[in-house]
Amino acid sequence: MLEMLRNEDGATMVEYGIMVALIAAVCITLIATLGGQVSSAFTSVNSAI
């Protein structure tokens, strides 16, 4: 029973899961923020061509 309580493999997996979730949230936020600017840049280039 004590061996199972000392096992930290599950905790490590949870920490990796939290890191992946935070990285995904940052990526989604950046894409949502920069998406409009990139779209208007492509529109300007398309109009110039």
PDB file of N, CA and C in Angstrom:
ATOM      1  N   MET A   1       0.829  -1.190   0.000  1.00  0.00           N
ATOM      2  CA  MET A   1       0.000   0.000   0.000  1.00  0.00           C
ATOM      3  C   MET A   1       0.870   1.248   0.000  1.00  0.00           C
ATOM      4  N   LEU A   2       1.911   1.284   0.858  1.00  0.00           N
ATOM      5  CA  LEU A   2       2.791   2.447   0.912  1.00  0.00           C
ATOM      6  C   LEU A   2       3.573   2.604  -0.392  1.00  0.00           C
ATOM      7  N   GLU A   3       3.895   1.488  -1.017  1.00  0.00           N
ATOM      8  CA  GLU A   3       4.615   1.544  -2.300  1.00  0.00           C
ATOM      9  C   GLU A   3       3.776   2.272  -3.351  1.00  0.00           C
ATOM     10  N   MET A   4       2.486   2.022  -3.357  1.00  0.00           N
ATOM     11  CA  MET A   4       1.602   2.664  -4.324  1.00  0.00           C
ATOM     12  C   MET A   4       1.496   4.168  -4.040  1.00  0.00           C
ATOM     13  N   LEU A   5       1.521   4.557  -2.788  1.00  0.00           N
ATOM     14  CA  LEU A   5       1.434   5.977  -2.442  1.00  0.00           C
ATOM     15  C   LEU A   5       2.714   6.729  -2.793  1.00  0.00           C
ATOM     16  N   ARG A   6       3.831   6.036  -2.772  1.00  0.00           N
ATOM     17  CA  ARG A   6       5.112   6.676  -3.091  1.00  0.00           C
ATOM     18  C   ARG A   6       5.376   6.750  -4.585  1.00  0.00           C
ATOM     19  N   ASN A   7       4.633   6.013  -5.381  1.00  0.00           N
ATOM     20  CA  ASN A   7       4.814   5.997  -6.824  1.00  0.00           C
ATOM     21  C   ASN A   7       4.419   7.350  -7.406  1.00  0.00           C
ATOM     22  N   GLU A   8       5.353   8.013  -8.097  1.00  0.00           N
ATOM     23  CA  GLU A   8       5.093   9.351  -8.619  1.00  0.00           C
ATOM     24  C   GLU A   8       4.900   9.367 -10.128  1.00  0.00           C
ATOM     25  N   ASP A   9       4.750   8.222 -10.743  1.00  0.00           N
ATOM     26  CA  ASP A   9       4.559   8.180 -12.197  1.00  0.00           C
ATOM     27  C   ASP A   9       3.283   8.898 -12.613  1.00  0.00           C
ATOM     28  N   GLY A  10       2.222   8.714 -11.887  1.00  0.00           N
ATOM     29  CA  GLY A  10       0.956   9.372 -12.219  1.00  0.00           C
ATOM     30  C   GLY A  10       1.052  10.876 -12.080  1.00  0.00           C
ATOM     31  N   ALA A  11       1.756  11.346 -11.059  1.00  0.00           N
ATOM     32  CA  ALA A  11       1.916  12.779 -10.855  1.00  0.00           C
ATOM     33  C   ALA A  11       2.700  13.397 -12.006  1.00  0.00           C
ATOM     34  N   THR A  12       3.715  12.700 -12.476  1.00  0.00           N
ATOM     35  CA  THR A  12       4.499  13.200 -13.595  1.00  0.00           C
ATOM     36  C   THR A  12       3.637  13.299 -14.841  1.00  0.00           C
ATOM     37  N   MET A  13       2.791  12.318 -15.062  1.00  0.00           N
ATOM     38  CA  MET A  13       1.911  12.327 -16.229  1.00  0.00           C
ATOM     39  C   MET A  13       0.935  13.496 -16.154  1.00  0.00           C
ATOM     40  N   VAL A  14       0.420  13.775 -14.972  1.00  0.00           N
ATOM     41  CA  VAL A  14      -0.491  14.902 -14.797  1.00  0.00           C
ATOM     42  C   VAL A  14       0.236  16.220 -15.070  1.00  0.00           C
ATOM     43  N   GLU A  15       1.468  16.327 -14.617  1.00  0.00           N
ATOM     44  CA  GLU A  15       2.241  17.552 -14.857  1.00  0.00           C
ATOM     45  C   GLU A  15       2.475  17.756 -16.351  1.00  0.00           C
ATOM     46  N   TYR A  16       2.813  16.697 -17.070  1.00  0.00           N
ATOM     47  CA  TYR A  16       2.982  16.818 -18.515  1.00  0.00           C
ATOM     48  C   TYR A  16       1.669  17.203 -19.186  1.00  0.00           C
ATOM     49  N   GLY A  17       0.586  16.656 -18.717  1.00  0.00           N
ATOM     50  CA  GLY A  17      -0.726  17.003 -19.273  1.00  0.00           C
ATOM     51  C   GLY A  17      -1.058  18.469 -19.070  1.00  0.00           C
ATOM     52  N   ILE A  18      -0.739  18.988 -17.898  1.00  0.00           N
ATOM     53  CA  ILE A  18      -0.993  20.402 -17.621  1.00  0.00           C
ATOM     54  C   ILE A  18      -0.115  21.283 -18.511  1.00  0.00           C
ATOM     55  N   MET A  19       1.147  20.899 -18.697  1.00  0.00           N
ATOM     56  CA  MET A  19       2.037  21.684 -19.564  1.00  0.00           C
ATOM     57  C   MET A  19       1.533  21.696 -21.000  1.00  0.00           C
ATOM     58  N   VAL A  20       1.088  20.556 -21.501  1.00  0.00           N
ATOM     59  CA  VAL A  20       0.568  20.480 -22.864  1.00  0.00           C
ATOM     60  C   VAL A  20      -0.682  21.333 -23.001  1.00  0.00           C
ATOM     61  N   ALA A  21      -1.550  21.310 -21.996  1.00  0.00           N
ATOM     62  CA  ALA A  21      -2.760  22.121 -22.040  1.00  0.00           C
ATOM     63  C   ALA A  21      -2.430  23.611 -22.047  1.00  0.00           C
ATOM     64  N   LEU A  22      -1.452  24.028 -21.252  1.00  0.00           N
ATOM     65  CA  LEU A  22      -1.066  25.439 -21.225  1.00  0.00           C
ATOM     66  C   LEU A  22      -0.444  25.871 -22.547  1.00  0.00           C
ATOM     67  N   ILE A  23       0.393  25.032 -23.124  1.00  0.00           N
ATOM     68  CA  ILE A  23       0.994  25.361 -24.419  1.00  0.00           C
ATOM     69  C   ILE A  23      -0.084  25.467 -25.490  1.00  0.00           C
ATOM     70  N   ALA A  24      -1.043  24.567 -25.470  1.00  0.00           N
ATOM     71  CA  ALA A  24      -2.136  24.619 -26.437  1.00  0.00           C
ATOM     72  C   ALA A  24      -2.963  25.884 -26.259  1.00  0.00           C
ATOM     73  N   ALA A  25      -3.215  26.279 -25.019  1.00  0.00           N
ATOM     74  CA  ALA A  25      -3.988  27.500 -24.767  1.00  0.00           C
ATOM     75  C   ALA A  25      -3.253  28.732 -25.285  1.00  0.00           C
ATOM     76  N   VAL A  26      -1.939  28.775 -25.096  1.00  0.00           N
ATOM     77  CA  VAL A  26      -1.148  29.911 -25.600  1.00  0.00           C
ATOM     78  C   VAL A  26      -1.180  29.937 -27.125  1.00  0.00           C
ATOM     79  N   CYS A  27      -1.040  28.790 -27.757  1.00  0.00           N
ATOM     80  CA  CYS A  27      -1.084  28.725 -29.223  1.00  0.00           C
ATOM     81  C   CYS A  27      -2.434  29.173 -29.764  1.00  0.00           C
ATOM     82  N   ILE A  28      -3.506  28.729 -29.149  1.00  0.00           N
ATOM     83  CA  ILE A  28      -4.843  29.115 -29.591  1.00  0.00           C
ATOM     84  C   ILE A  28      -5.045  30.616 -29.425  1.00  0.00           C
ATOM     85  N   THR A  29      -4.572  31.165 -28.318  1.00  0.00           N
ATOM     86  CA  THR A  29      -4.698  32.600 -28.088  1.00  0.00           C
ATOM     87  C   THR A  29      -3.918  33.395 -29.133  1.00  0.00           C
ATOM     88  N   LEU A  30      -2.693  32.962 -29.428  1.00  0.00           N
ATOM     89  CA  LEU A  30      -1.889  33.659 -30.438  1.00  0.00           C
ATOM     90  C   LEU A  30      -2.527  33.584 -31.818  1.00  0.00           C
ATOM     91  N   ILE A  31      -3.031  32.424 -32.179  1.00  0.00           N
ATOM     92  CA  ILE A  31      -3.667  32.276 -33.485  1.00  0.00           C
ATOM     93  C   ILE A  31      -4.913  33.148 -33.574  1.00  0.00           C
ATOM     94  N   ALA A  32      -5.697  33.190 -32.513  1.00  0.00           N
ATOM     95  CA  ALA A  32      -6.904  34.023 -32.524  1.00  0.00           C
ATOM     96  C   ALA A  32      -6.548  35.503 -32.594  1.00  0.00           C
ATOM     97  N   THR A  33      -5.474  35.892 -31.924  1.00  0.00           N
ATOM     98  CA  THR A  33      -5.069  37.300 -31.912  1.00  0.00           C
ATOM     99  C   THR A  33      -4.468  37.723 -33.244  1.00  0.00           C
ATOM    100  N   LEU A  34      -3.580  36.899 -33.793  1.00  0.00           N
ATOM    101  CA  LEU A  34      -2.879  37.264 -35.014  1.00  0.00           C
ATOM    102  C   LEU A  34      -3.629  36.878 -36.281  1.00  0.00           C
ATOM    103  N   GLY A  35      -4.678  36.093 -36.161  1.00  0.00           N
ATOM    104  CA  GLY A  35      -5.406  35.611 -37.333  1.00  0.00           C
ATOM    105  C   GLY A  35      -5.950  36.730 -38.195  1.00  0.00           C
ATOM    106  N   GLY A  36      -6.541  37.739 -37.581  1.00  0.00           N
ATOM    107  CA  GLY A  36      -7.096  38.864 -38.339  1.00  0.00           C
ATOM    108  C   GLY A  36      -6.020  39.663 -39.041  1.00  0.00           C
ATOM    109  N   GLN A  37      -4.896  39.854 -38.391  1.00  0.00           N
ATOM    110  CA  GLN A  37      -3.797  40.617 -38.986  1.00  0.00           C
ATOM    111  C   GLN A  37      -3.192  39.864 -40.169  1.00  0.00           C
ATOM    112  N   VAL A  38      -3.031  38.577 -40.044  1.00  0.00           N
ATOM    113  CA  VAL A  38      -2.483  37.775 -41.140  1.00  0.00           C
ATOM    114  C   VAL A  38      -3.458  37.762 -42.313  1.00  0.00           C
ATOM    115  N   SER A  39      -4.734  37.656 -42.017  1.00  0.00           N
ATOM    116  CA  SER A  39      -5.739  37.655 -43.072  1.00  0.00           C
ATOM    117  C   SER A  39      -5.717  38.963 -43.844  1.00  0.00           C
ATOM    118  N   SER A  40      -5.643  40.094 -43.165  1.00  0.00           N
ATOM    119  CA  SER A  40      -5.615  41.372 -43.871  1.00  0.00           C
ATOM    120  C   SER A  40      -4.302  41.552 -44.626  1.00  0.00           C
ATOM    121  N   ALA A  41      -3.212  40.991 -44.137  1.00  0.00           N
ATOM    122  CA  ALA A  41      -1.946  41.057 -44.868  1.00  0.00           C
ATOM    123  C   ALA A  41      -2.051  40.278 -46.178  1.00  0.00           C
ATOM    124  N   PHE A  42      -2.632  39.091 -46.139  1.00  0.00           N
ATOM    125  CA  PHE A  42      -2.819  38.321 -47.359  1.00  0.00           C
ATOM    126  C   PHE A  42      -3.761  39.026 -48.327  1.00  0.00           C
ATOM    127  N   THR A  43      -4.776  39.675 -47.809  1.00  0.00           N
ATOM    128  CA  THR A  43      -5.704  40.418 -48.655  1.00  0.00           C
ATOM    129  C   THR A  43      -4.982  41.568 -49.351  1.00  0.00           C
ATOM    130  N   SER A  44      -4.124  42.255 -48.627  1.00  0.00           N
ATOM    131  CA  SER A  44      -3.355  43.357 -49.225  1.00  0.00           C
ATOM    132  C   SER A  44      -2.412  42.855 -50.313  1.00  0.00           C
ATOM    133  N   VAL A  45      -1.746  41.747 -50.057  1.00  0.00           N
ATOM    134  CA  VAL A  45      -0.849  41.169 -51.061  1.00  0.00           C
ATOM    135  C   VAL A  45      -1.640  40.720 -52.284  1.00  0.00           C
ATOM    136  N   ASN A  46      -2.785  40.108 -52.045  1.00  0.00           N
ATOM    137  CA  ASN A  46      -3.624  39.645 -53.148  1.00  0.00           C
ATOM    138  C   ASN A  46      -4.109  40.821 -53.990  1.00  0.00           C
ATOM    139  N   SER A  47      -4.469  41.907 -53.358  1.00  0.00           N
ATOM    140  CA  SER A  47      -4.915  43.095 -54.086  1.00  0.00           C
ATOM    141  C   SER A  47      -3.773  43.707 -54.883  1.00  0.00           C
ATOM    142  N   ALA A  48      -2.579  43.693 -54.332  1.00  0.00           N
ATOM    143  CA  ALA A  48      -1.424  44.274 -55.019  1.00  0.00           C
ATOM    144  C   ALA A  48      -1.035  43.456 -56.246  1.00  0.00           C
ATOM    145  N   ILE A  49      -1.267  42.164 -56.186  1.00  0.00           N
ATOM    146  CA  ILE A  49      -0.914  41.318 -57.329  1.00  0.00           C
ATOM    147  C   ILE A  49      -1.966  41.516 -58.397  1.00  0.00           C
TER     148      ILE A  49
END
